[in-house]
């Protein structure tokens, strides 16, 4: 859980103490879903399989950088009806190669 999510988590814990488990369940479900997409899906997905951009983040490319590249058409990606951008590991590797060529010239 991220530091900035702590107040919402504590509020959800207090509500759970009073018998309202919905907010805490939502926080836990979102955390599980995010971690599933970030860590599990990429290890199972082949290099050409579409995954959420969050699953393709590494030390060289942040999520905002990937999203910006996708929005500008520099990264081969699609935005689903749910608003989530998806791309593949292969597309990111291609983007990195073209980005390095642009910097070299």
N, C-alpha and C. Protein backbone atom coordinates (compact mmCIF):
# COMPACT_ATOMS: atom_id res chain seq x y z
N UNK A 1 0.84 -1.17 0.00
CA UNK A 1 0.00 0.00 0.00
C UNK A 1 0.90 1.24 0.00
N UNK A 2 0.49 2.22 -0.74
CA UNK A 2 1.26 3.45 -0.84
C UNK A 2 1.00 4.36 0.35
N UNK A 3 2.01 5.16 0.67
CA UNK A 3 1.93 6.05 1.82
C UNK A 3 0.73 6.99 1.74
N UNK A 4 0.44 7.51 0.54
CA UNK A 4 -0.67 8.44 0.40
C UNK A 4 -2.04 7.76 0.55
N UNK A 5 -2.08 6.44 0.53
CA UNK A 5 -3.35 5.72 0.70
C UNK A 5 -3.64 5.39 2.16
N UNK A 6 -2.69 5.70 3.04
CA UNK A 6 -2.83 5.36 4.45
C UNK A 6 -4.09 5.95 5.10
N UNK A 7 -4.42 7.23 4.89
CA UNK A 7 -5.63 7.76 5.53
C UNK A 7 -6.91 7.02 5.10
N UNK A 8 -7.01 6.69 3.83
CA UNK A 8 -8.20 5.95 3.36
C UNK A 8 -8.23 4.55 3.97
N UNK A 9 -7.06 3.93 4.09
CA UNK A 9 -6.98 2.59 4.69
C UNK A 9 -7.40 2.64 6.16
N UNK A 10 -6.89 3.63 6.90
CA UNK A 10 -7.25 3.73 8.31
C UNK A 10 -8.74 4.03 8.49
N UNK A 11 -9.29 4.88 7.64
CA UNK A 11 -10.72 5.17 7.70
C UNK A 11 -11.54 3.90 7.42
N UNK A 12 -11.08 3.12 6.44
CA UNK A 12 -11.77 1.86 6.11
C UNK A 12 -11.67 0.87 7.27
N UNK A 13 -10.54 0.86 7.95
CA UNK A 13 -10.38 -0.03 9.11
C UNK A 13 -11.35 0.37 10.23
N UNK A 14 -11.49 1.66 10.47
CA UNK A 14 -12.43 2.13 11.50
C UNK A 14 -13.87 1.76 11.14
N UNK A 15 -14.20 1.90 9.86
CA UNK A 15 -15.56 1.53 9.43
C UNK A 15 -15.77 0.02 9.58
N UNK A 16 -14.71 -0.76 9.30
CA UNK A 16 -14.82 -2.21 9.47
C UNK A 16 -15.03 -2.56 10.94
N UNK A 17 -14.38 -1.83 11.83
CA UNK A 17 -14.58 -2.05 13.27
C UNK A 17 -16.04 -1.84 13.67
N UNK A 18 -16.71 -0.96 12.92
CA UNK A 18 -18.13 -0.69 13.20
C UNK A 18 -19.07 -1.59 12.41
N UNK A 19 -18.51 -2.56 11.68
CA UNK A 19 -19.33 -3.52 10.95
C UNK A 19 -19.52 -3.24 9.48
N UNK A 20 -18.96 -2.15 8.96
CA UNK A 20 -19.07 -1.81 7.53
C UNK A 20 -17.77 -2.24 6.84
N UNK A 21 -17.79 -3.41 6.23
CA UNK A 21 -16.58 -3.99 5.64
C UNK A 21 -16.36 -3.61 4.17
N UNK A 22 -17.34 -2.95 3.56
CA UNK A 22 -17.25 -2.62 2.14
C UNK A 22 -16.02 -1.82 1.75
N UNK A 23 -15.74 -0.68 2.39
CA UNK A 23 -14.58 0.12 1.99
C UNK A 23 -13.25 -0.63 2.15
N UNK A 24 -13.10 -1.40 3.23
CA UNK A 24 -11.87 -2.16 3.42
C UNK A 24 -11.75 -3.26 2.37
N UNK A 25 -12.85 -3.91 2.07
CA UNK A 25 -12.85 -4.94 1.02
C UNK A 25 -12.46 -4.36 -0.32
N UNK A 26 -12.96 -3.15 -0.62
CA UNK A 26 -12.61 -2.51 -1.89
C UNK A 26 -11.13 -2.18 -1.95
N UNK A 27 -10.57 -1.65 -0.88
CA UNK A 27 -9.14 -1.32 -0.85
C UNK A 27 -8.31 -2.58 -1.06
N UNK A 28 -8.66 -3.64 -0.37
CA UNK A 28 -7.90 -4.90 -0.50
C UNK A 28 -8.04 -5.49 -1.90
N UNK A 29 -9.25 -5.45 -2.44
CA UNK A 29 -9.47 -5.99 -3.78
C UNK A 29 -8.68 -5.21 -4.82
N UNK A 30 -8.69 -3.88 -4.71
CA UNK A 30 -7.92 -3.05 -5.66
C UNK A 30 -6.43 -3.33 -5.55
N UNK A 31 -5.93 -3.48 -4.33
CA UNK A 31 -4.51 -3.77 -4.14
C UNK A 31 -4.14 -5.13 -4.75
N UNK A 32 -4.99 -6.11 -4.56
CA UNK A 32 -4.74 -7.43 -5.14
C UNK A 32 -4.77 -7.36 -6.66
N UNK A 33 -5.76 -6.65 -7.22
CA UNK A 33 -5.88 -6.52 -8.67
C UNK A 33 -4.67 -5.81 -9.26
N UNK A 34 -4.26 -4.70 -8.63
CA UNK A 34 -3.10 -3.95 -9.11
C UNK A 34 -1.83 -4.80 -9.08
N UNK A 35 -1.64 -5.53 -7.99
CA UNK A 35 -0.45 -6.38 -7.88
C UNK A 35 -0.50 -7.55 -8.85
N UNK A 36 -1.67 -8.08 -9.08
CA UNK A 36 -1.83 -9.15 -10.05
C UNK A 36 -1.39 -8.66 -11.43
N UNK A 37 -1.89 -7.48 -11.82
CA UNK A 37 -1.53 -6.93 -13.13
C UNK A 37 -0.07 -6.50 -13.21
N UNK A 38 0.47 -6.08 -12.11
CA UNK A 38 1.85 -5.58 -12.14
C UNK A 38 2.89 -6.68 -12.07
N UNK A 39 2.64 -7.74 -11.30
CA UNK A 39 3.67 -8.74 -11.06
C UNK A 39 3.37 -10.12 -11.66
N UNK A 40 2.14 -10.57 -11.57
CA UNK A 40 1.82 -11.93 -12.01
C UNK A 40 1.57 -12.00 -13.51
N UNK A 41 0.70 -11.14 -14.04
CA UNK A 41 0.34 -11.19 -15.46
C UNK A 41 1.57 -11.07 -16.37
N UNK A 42 2.49 -10.11 -16.12
CA UNK A 42 3.64 -10.01 -17.02
C UNK A 42 4.51 -11.25 -17.05
N UNK A 43 4.62 -11.95 -15.94
CA UNK A 43 5.46 -13.15 -15.94
C UNK A 43 4.79 -14.31 -16.67
N UNK A 44 3.46 -14.27 -16.79
CA UNK A 44 2.74 -15.31 -17.50
C UNK A 44 2.53 -14.97 -18.98
N UNK A 45 2.49 -13.67 -19.26
CA UNK A 45 2.20 -13.22 -20.62
C UNK A 45 3.42 -13.35 -21.51
N UNK A 46 3.19 -13.77 -22.72
CA UNK A 46 4.26 -13.80 -23.71
C UNK A 46 4.61 -12.38 -24.13
N UNK A 47 5.68 -12.22 -24.91
CA UNK A 47 6.15 -10.87 -25.27
C UNK A 47 5.16 -10.07 -26.11
N UNK A 48 4.22 -10.73 -26.79
CA UNK A 48 3.28 -10.01 -27.66
C UNK A 48 1.90 -9.86 -27.02
N UNK A 49 1.70 -10.38 -25.84
CA UNK A 49 0.38 -10.32 -25.21
C UNK A 49 0.13 -8.94 -24.60
N UNK A 50 -1.08 -8.42 -24.82
CA UNK A 50 -1.44 -7.11 -24.28
C UNK A 50 -1.69 -7.19 -22.78
N UNK A 51 -1.04 -6.29 -22.05
CA UNK A 51 -1.22 -6.19 -20.61
C UNK A 51 -1.37 -4.71 -20.26
N UNK A 52 -1.93 -4.38 -19.10
CA UNK A 52 -2.00 -2.98 -18.70
C UNK A 52 -0.60 -2.35 -18.64
N UNK A 53 -0.51 -1.06 -18.98
CA UNK A 53 0.78 -0.39 -18.96
C UNK A 53 1.47 -0.51 -17.61
N UNK A 54 0.69 -0.54 -16.53
CA UNK A 54 1.27 -0.66 -15.19
C UNK A 54 2.10 -1.92 -15.05
N UNK A 55 1.77 -2.95 -15.82
CA UNK A 55 2.51 -4.21 -15.77
C UNK A 55 3.83 -4.12 -16.54
N UNK A 56 4.02 -3.05 -17.31
CA UNK A 56 5.22 -2.92 -18.13
C UNK A 56 6.21 -1.89 -17.59
N UNK A 57 5.90 -1.32 -16.44
CA UNK A 57 6.77 -0.33 -15.80
C UNK A 57 8.06 -1.01 -15.37
N UNK A 58 9.18 -0.33 -15.57
CA UNK A 58 10.46 -0.83 -15.08
C UNK A 58 11.31 0.35 -14.64
N UNK A 59 12.58 0.11 -14.34
CA UNK A 59 13.43 1.20 -13.82
C UNK A 59 13.70 2.27 -14.87
N UNK A 60 13.51 1.92 -16.14
CA UNK A 60 13.78 2.88 -17.22
C UNK A 60 12.54 3.67 -17.63
N UNK A 61 11.35 3.08 -17.47
CA UNK A 61 10.11 3.72 -17.92
C UNK A 61 9.06 3.70 -16.82
N UNK A 62 8.58 4.88 -16.46
CA UNK A 62 7.52 5.00 -15.46
C UNK A 62 6.16 4.86 -16.14
N UNK A 63 5.13 4.70 -15.34
CA UNK A 63 3.77 4.61 -15.89
C UNK A 63 3.39 5.90 -16.62
N UNK A 64 3.66 7.09 -16.06
CA UNK A 64 3.33 8.31 -16.81
C UNK A 64 4.08 8.40 -18.15
N UNK A 65 5.33 7.95 -18.19
CA UNK A 65 6.09 7.99 -19.44
C UNK A 65 5.49 7.05 -20.48
N UNK A 66 5.09 5.85 -20.06
CA UNK A 66 4.47 4.90 -20.98
C UNK A 66 3.13 5.44 -21.49
N UNK A 67 2.34 6.01 -20.58
CA UNK A 67 1.04 6.55 -20.95
C UNK A 67 1.20 7.69 -21.96
N UNK A 68 2.17 8.55 -21.72
CA UNK A 68 2.41 9.68 -22.63
C UNK A 68 2.86 9.17 -24.00
N UNK A 69 3.74 8.17 -24.03
CA UNK A 69 4.18 7.61 -25.30
C UNK A 69 3.01 6.98 -26.05
N UNK A 70 2.12 6.32 -25.33
CA UNK A 70 0.95 5.70 -25.95
C UNK A 70 0.02 6.78 -26.51
N UNK A 71 -0.23 7.82 -25.73
CA UNK A 71 -1.12 8.90 -26.17
C UNK A 71 -0.57 9.64 -27.38
N UNK A 72 0.74 9.74 -27.47
CA UNK A 72 1.37 10.43 -28.60
C UNK A 72 1.56 9.52 -29.81
N UNK A 73 1.21 8.25 -29.66
CA UNK A 73 1.34 7.32 -30.77
C UNK A 73 2.75 6.77 -30.97
N UNK A 74 3.61 7.00 -30.02
CA UNK A 74 4.99 6.50 -30.14
C UNK A 74 5.13 5.08 -29.63
N UNK A 75 4.23 4.67 -28.76
CA UNK A 75 4.19 3.31 -28.24
C UNK A 75 2.95 2.64 -28.79
N UNK A 76 3.11 1.48 -29.40
CA UNK A 76 1.98 0.72 -29.92
C UNK A 76 1.14 0.23 -28.75
N UNK A 77 0.01 0.89 -28.52
CA UNK A 77 -0.86 0.56 -27.38
C UNK A 77 -2.29 0.89 -27.74
N UNK A 78 -3.21 0.29 -27.00
CA UNK A 78 -4.63 0.59 -27.20
C UNK A 78 -5.24 0.96 -25.86
N UNK A 79 -6.25 1.83 -25.92
CA UNK A 79 -6.98 2.18 -24.72
C UNK A 79 -8.32 1.48 -24.78
N UNK A 80 -8.59 0.65 -23.79
CA UNK A 80 -9.82 -0.11 -23.76
C UNK A 80 -11.01 0.74 -23.36
N UNK A 81 -12.18 0.17 -23.49
CA UNK A 81 -13.41 0.86 -23.11
C UNK A 81 -13.42 1.21 -21.63
N UNK A 82 -12.60 0.50 -20.85
CA UNK A 82 -12.49 0.77 -19.41
C UNK A 82 -11.53 1.91 -19.11
N UNK A 83 -10.91 2.49 -20.17
CA UNK A 83 -9.99 3.61 -20.01
C UNK A 83 -8.56 3.20 -19.73
N UNK A 84 -8.30 1.91 -19.61
CA UNK A 84 -6.95 1.42 -19.30
C UNK A 84 -6.17 1.21 -20.59
N UNK A 85 -4.96 1.79 -20.62
CA UNK A 85 -4.08 1.58 -21.76
C UNK A 85 -3.41 0.22 -21.62
N UNK A 86 -3.28 -0.49 -22.75
CA UNK A 86 -2.63 -1.80 -22.77
C UNK A 86 -1.62 -1.85 -23.91
N UNK A 87 -0.54 -2.54 -23.65
CA UNK A 87 0.48 -2.73 -24.66
C UNK A 87 1.18 -4.05 -24.37
N UNK A 88 2.24 -4.32 -25.10
CA UNK A 88 2.97 -5.58 -24.91
C UNK A 88 4.43 -5.28 -24.59
N UNK A 89 5.09 -6.25 -24.03
CA UNK A 89 6.53 -6.12 -23.74
C UNK A 89 7.31 -5.87 -25.04
N UNK A 90 6.91 -6.55 -26.11
CA UNK A 90 7.57 -6.37 -27.40
C UNK A 90 7.41 -4.94 -27.89
N UNK A 91 6.21 -4.36 -27.75
CA UNK A 91 5.98 -2.99 -28.19
C UNK A 91 6.84 -2.01 -27.38
N UNK A 92 6.99 -2.27 -26.10
CA UNK A 92 7.83 -1.41 -25.26
C UNK A 92 9.29 -1.52 -25.69
N UNK A 93 9.74 -2.72 -25.99
CA UNK A 93 11.12 -2.89 -26.46
C UNK A 93 11.33 -2.16 -27.79
N UNK A 94 10.36 -2.24 -28.68
CA UNK A 94 10.44 -1.50 -29.96
C UNK A 94 10.48 0.00 -29.71
N UNK A 95 9.64 0.47 -28.79
CA UNK A 95 9.62 1.89 -28.46
C UNK A 95 10.98 2.34 -27.91
N UNK A 96 11.56 1.55 -27.02
CA UNK A 96 12.86 1.90 -26.46
C UNK A 96 13.94 1.99 -27.54
N UNK A 97 13.90 1.06 -28.49
CA UNK A 97 14.89 1.09 -29.58
C UNK A 97 14.74 2.36 -30.42
N UNK A 98 13.50 2.72 -30.76
CA UNK A 98 13.29 3.93 -31.57
C UNK A 98 13.62 5.18 -30.77
N UNK A 99 13.35 5.17 -29.49
CA UNK A 99 13.66 6.31 -28.64
C UNK A 99 15.17 6.52 -28.54
N UNK A 100 15.90 5.43 -28.44
CA UNK A 100 17.37 5.53 -28.36
C UNK A 100 17.95 6.02 -29.68
N UNK A 101 17.34 5.61 -30.79
CA UNK A 101 17.81 6.08 -32.11
C UNK A 101 17.57 7.58 -32.25
N UNK A 102 16.40 8.07 -31.79
CA UNK A 102 16.09 9.49 -31.89
C UNK A 102 17.07 10.31 -31.06
N UNK A 103 17.45 9.80 -29.89
CA UNK A 103 18.40 10.52 -29.03
C UNK A 103 19.80 10.56 -29.62
N UNK A 104 20.16 9.51 -30.37
CA UNK A 104 21.50 9.42 -30.95
C UNK A 104 21.69 10.40 -32.11
N UNK A 105 20.60 10.78 -32.77
CA UNK A 105 20.72 11.67 -33.93
C UNK A 105 20.61 13.12 -33.56
